[in-house]
Amino acid sequence: MPDVFKALDDETRRLILDELAVRNGQTLFEICSTLTMRHGIGSTRQAISQHLAVLEDAGLVTSERRGRTKLHHFDPTPLEAIARRWPNTRKADP
């Protein structure tokens, strides 16, 4: 099983997932720009690309090529497996 916990252990990777959850199909350039503008993350494109590779290895991000453009998509499936493993057993407050 891919290491989802390792992938989620980094703040920048969690922010990337947050941004892809808001709008799927972003390019590396768009992700870098959003992280800089909204979150003040000044990482290089190469660093963000490496974060995306970790997320892809964990199954949390998929990518597709359209011509020369590579689009990234959030895949919550591995997170659903975690939620099924530890269901919420607390009762809601009345």
C-alpha atoms as a PDB file:
ATOM      1  CA  MET A   1       0.000   0.000   0.000  1.00  0.00           C
ATOM      2  CA  PRO A   2       1.310   3.479  -0.836  1.00  0.00           C
ATOM      3  CA  ASP A   3       2.536   5.580   2.073  1.00  0.00           C
ATOM      4  CA  VAL A   4      -0.347   8.025   2.421  1.00  0.00           C
ATOM      5  CA  PHE A   5       0.745   9.065   5.906  1.00  0.00           C
ATOM      6  CA  LYS A   6       4.213  10.080   4.663  1.00  0.00           C
ATOM      7  CA  ALA A   7       2.613  12.073   1.868  1.00  0.00           C
ATOM      8  CA  LEU A   8       0.322  13.893   4.300  1.00  0.00           C
ATOM      9  CA  ASP A   9       3.157  14.569   6.763  1.00  0.00           C
ATOM     10  CA  ASP A  10       4.236  17.713   4.899  1.00  0.00           C
ATOM     11  CA  GLU A  11       2.378  21.036   5.112  1.00  0.00           C
ATOM     12  CA  THR A  12       3.127  21.982   1.492  1.00  0.00           C
ATOM     13  CA  ARG A  13       1.737  18.672   0.215  1.00  0.00           C
ATOM     14  CA  ARG A  14      -1.430  19.165   2.281  1.00  0.00           C
ATOM     15  CA  LEU A  15      -1.812  22.657   0.791  1.00  0.00           C
ATOM     16  CA  ILE A  16      -1.379  21.240  -2.714  1.00  0.00           C
ATOM     17  CA  LEU A  17      -4.185  18.761  -2.005  1.00  0.00           C
ATOM     18  CA  ASP A  18      -6.350  21.562  -0.582  1.00  0.00           C
ATOM     19  CA  GLU A  19      -5.893  23.586  -3.754  1.00  0.00           C
ATOM     20  CA  LEU A  20      -6.569  20.619  -6.038  1.00  0.00           C
ATOM     21  CA  ALA A  21      -9.702  19.833  -4.005  1.00  0.00           C
ATOM     22  CA  VAL A  22     -10.924  23.354  -4.769  1.00  0.00           C
ATOM     23  CA  ARG A  23     -10.036  23.159  -8.476  1.00  0.00           C
ATOM     24  CA  ASN A  24      -8.818  19.984 -10.132  1.00  0.00           C
ATOM     25  CA  GLY A  25      -6.809  19.877 -13.338  1.00  0.00           C
ATOM     26  CA  GLN A  26      -4.144  22.440 -12.458  1.00  0.00           C
ATOM     27  CA  THR A  27      -0.757  22.698 -14.102  1.00  0.00           C
ATOM     28  CA  LEU A  28       2.486  22.892 -12.137  1.00  0.00           C
ATOM     29  CA  PHE A  29       2.652  26.614 -12.940  1.00  0.00           C
ATOM     30  CA  GLU A  30      -0.862  27.176 -11.580  1.00  0.00           C
ATOM     31  CA  ILE A  31      -0.135  25.212  -8.403  1.00  0.00           C
ATOM     32  CA  CYS A  32       3.106  27.130  -7.797  1.00  0.00           C
ATOM     33  CA  SER A  33       1.366  30.467  -8.373  1.00  0.00           C
ATOM     34  CA  THR A  34      -1.498  29.606  -6.039  1.00  0.00           C
ATOM     35  CA  LEU A  35       0.833  28.418  -3.285  1.00  0.00           C
ATOM     36  CA  THR A  36       2.807  31.662  -3.542  1.00  0.00           C
ATOM     37  CA  MET A  37      -0.170  34.016  -3.703  1.00  0.00           C
ATOM     38  CA  ARG A  38      -2.514  32.363  -1.178  1.00  0.00           C
ATOM     39  CA  HIS A  39      -0.110  30.710   1.208  1.00  0.00           C
ATOM     40  CA  GLY A  40       3.203  32.552   0.896  1.00  0.00           C
ATOM     41  CA  ILE A  41       5.034  29.362  -0.137  1.00  0.00           C
ATOM     42  CA  GLY A  42       8.140  30.368  -2.098  1.00  0.00           C
ATOM     43  CA  SER A  43       9.271  26.893  -3.148  1.00  0.00           C
ATOM     44  CA  THR A  44      10.787  26.372  -6.579  1.00  0.00           C
ATOM     45  CA  ARG A  45       8.875  24.648  -9.349  1.00  0.00           C
ATOM     46  CA  GLN A  46      11.257  21.715  -8.981  1.00  0.00           C
ATOM     47  CA  ALA A  47      10.445  21.409  -5.255  1.00  0.00           C
ATOM     48  CA  ILE A  48       6.692  21.511  -5.929  1.00  0.00           C
ATOM     49  CA  SER A  49       7.178  18.940  -8.694  1.00  0.00           C
ATOM     50  CA  GLN A  50       8.881  16.650  -6.166  1.00  0.00           C
ATOM     51  CA  HIS A  51       5.979  17.133  -3.736  1.00  0.00           C
ATOM     52  CA  LEU A  52       3.576  16.196  -6.534  1.00  0.00           C
ATOM     53  CA  ALA A  53       5.626  13.051  -7.217  1.00  0.00           C
ATOM     54  CA  VAL A  54       5.280  11.984  -3.559  1.00  0.00           C
ATOM     55  CA  LEU A  55       1.526  12.613  -3.733  1.00  0.00           C
ATOM     56  CA  GLU A  56       1.296  10.605  -6.969  1.00  0.00           C
ATOM     57  CA  ASP A  57       3.266   7.719  -5.437  1.00  0.00           C
ATOM     58  CA  ALA A  58       0.774   7.697  -2.549  1.00  0.00           C
ATOM     59  CA  GLY A  59      -2.154   7.624  -4.990  1.00  0.00           C
ATOM     60  CA  LEU A  60      -3.478  11.000  -3.825  1.00  0.00           C
ATOM     61  CA  VAL A  61      -2.757  12.803  -7.095  1.00  0.00           C
ATOM     62  CA  THR A  62      -3.107  11.619 -10.660  1.00  0.00           C
ATOM     63  CA  SER A  63      -1.857  13.428 -13.715  1.00  0.00           C
ATOM     64  CA  GLU A  64      -2.689  13.501 -17.378  1.00  0.00           C
ATOM     65  CA  ARG A  65      -0.946  15.003 -20.362  1.00  0.00           C
ATOM     66  CA  ARG A  66      -2.753  17.201 -22.830  1.00  0.00           C
ATOM     67  CA  GLY A  67      -0.238  18.067 -25.479  1.00  0.00           C
ATOM     68  CA  ARG A  68       2.680  19.712 -23.713  1.00  0.00           C
ATOM     69  CA  THR A  69       0.601  20.413 -20.604  1.00  0.00           C
ATOM     70  CA  LYS A  70       0.467  18.129 -17.570  1.00  0.00           C
ATOM     71  CA  LEU A  71      -2.671  18.453 -15.455  1.00  0.00           C
ATOM     72  CA  HIS A  72      -2.884  17.288 -11.837  1.00  0.00           C
ATOM     73  CA  HIS A  73      -5.999  15.904 -10.141  1.00  0.00           C
ATOM     74  CA  PHE A  74      -6.797  15.100  -6.512  1.00  0.00           C
ATOM     75  CA  ASP A  75      -7.860  11.474  -5.856  1.00  0.00           C
ATOM     76  CA  PRO A  76      -9.397  11.050  -2.365  1.00  0.00           C
ATOM     77  CA  THR A  77      -9.631   7.249  -2.652  1.00  0.00           C
ATOM     78  CA  PRO A  78      -6.677   6.514  -0.308  1.00  0.00           C
ATOM     79  CA  LEU A  79      -8.205   8.849   2.294  1.00  0.00           C
ATOM     80  CA  GLU A  80     -11.517   7.027   2.077  1.00  0.00           C
ATOM     81  CA  ALA A  81      -9.700   3.782   2.910  1.00  0.00           C
ATOM     82  CA  ILE A  82      -8.288   5.426   6.044  1.00  0.00           C
ATOM     83  CA  ALA A  83     -11.722   6.713   7.065  1.00  0.00           C
ATOM     84  CA  ARG A  84     -13.204   3.225   6.655  1.00  0.00           C
ATOM     85  CA  ARG A  85     -10.471   1.770   8.831  1.00  0.00           C
ATOM     86  CA  TRP A  86     -11.245   4.117  11.733  1.00  0.00           C
ATOM     87  CA  PRO A  87     -14.920   5.058  11.504  1.00  0.00           C
ATOM     88  CA  ASN A  88     -16.253   7.817  13.701  1.00  0.00           C
ATOM     89  CA  THR A  89     -17.930   6.036  16.598  1.00  0.00           C
ATOM     90  CA  ARG A  90     -18.675   9.135  18.689  1.00  0.00           C
ATOM     91  CA  LYS A  91     -22.271  10.137  19.006  1.00  0.00           C
ATOM     92  CA  ALA A  92     -23.216  13.627  17.927  1.00  0.00           C
ATOM     93  CA  ASP A  93     -24.081  16.129  20.662  1.00  0.00           C
ATOM     94  CA  PRO A  94     -27.854  16.616  21.056  1.00  0.00           C
END
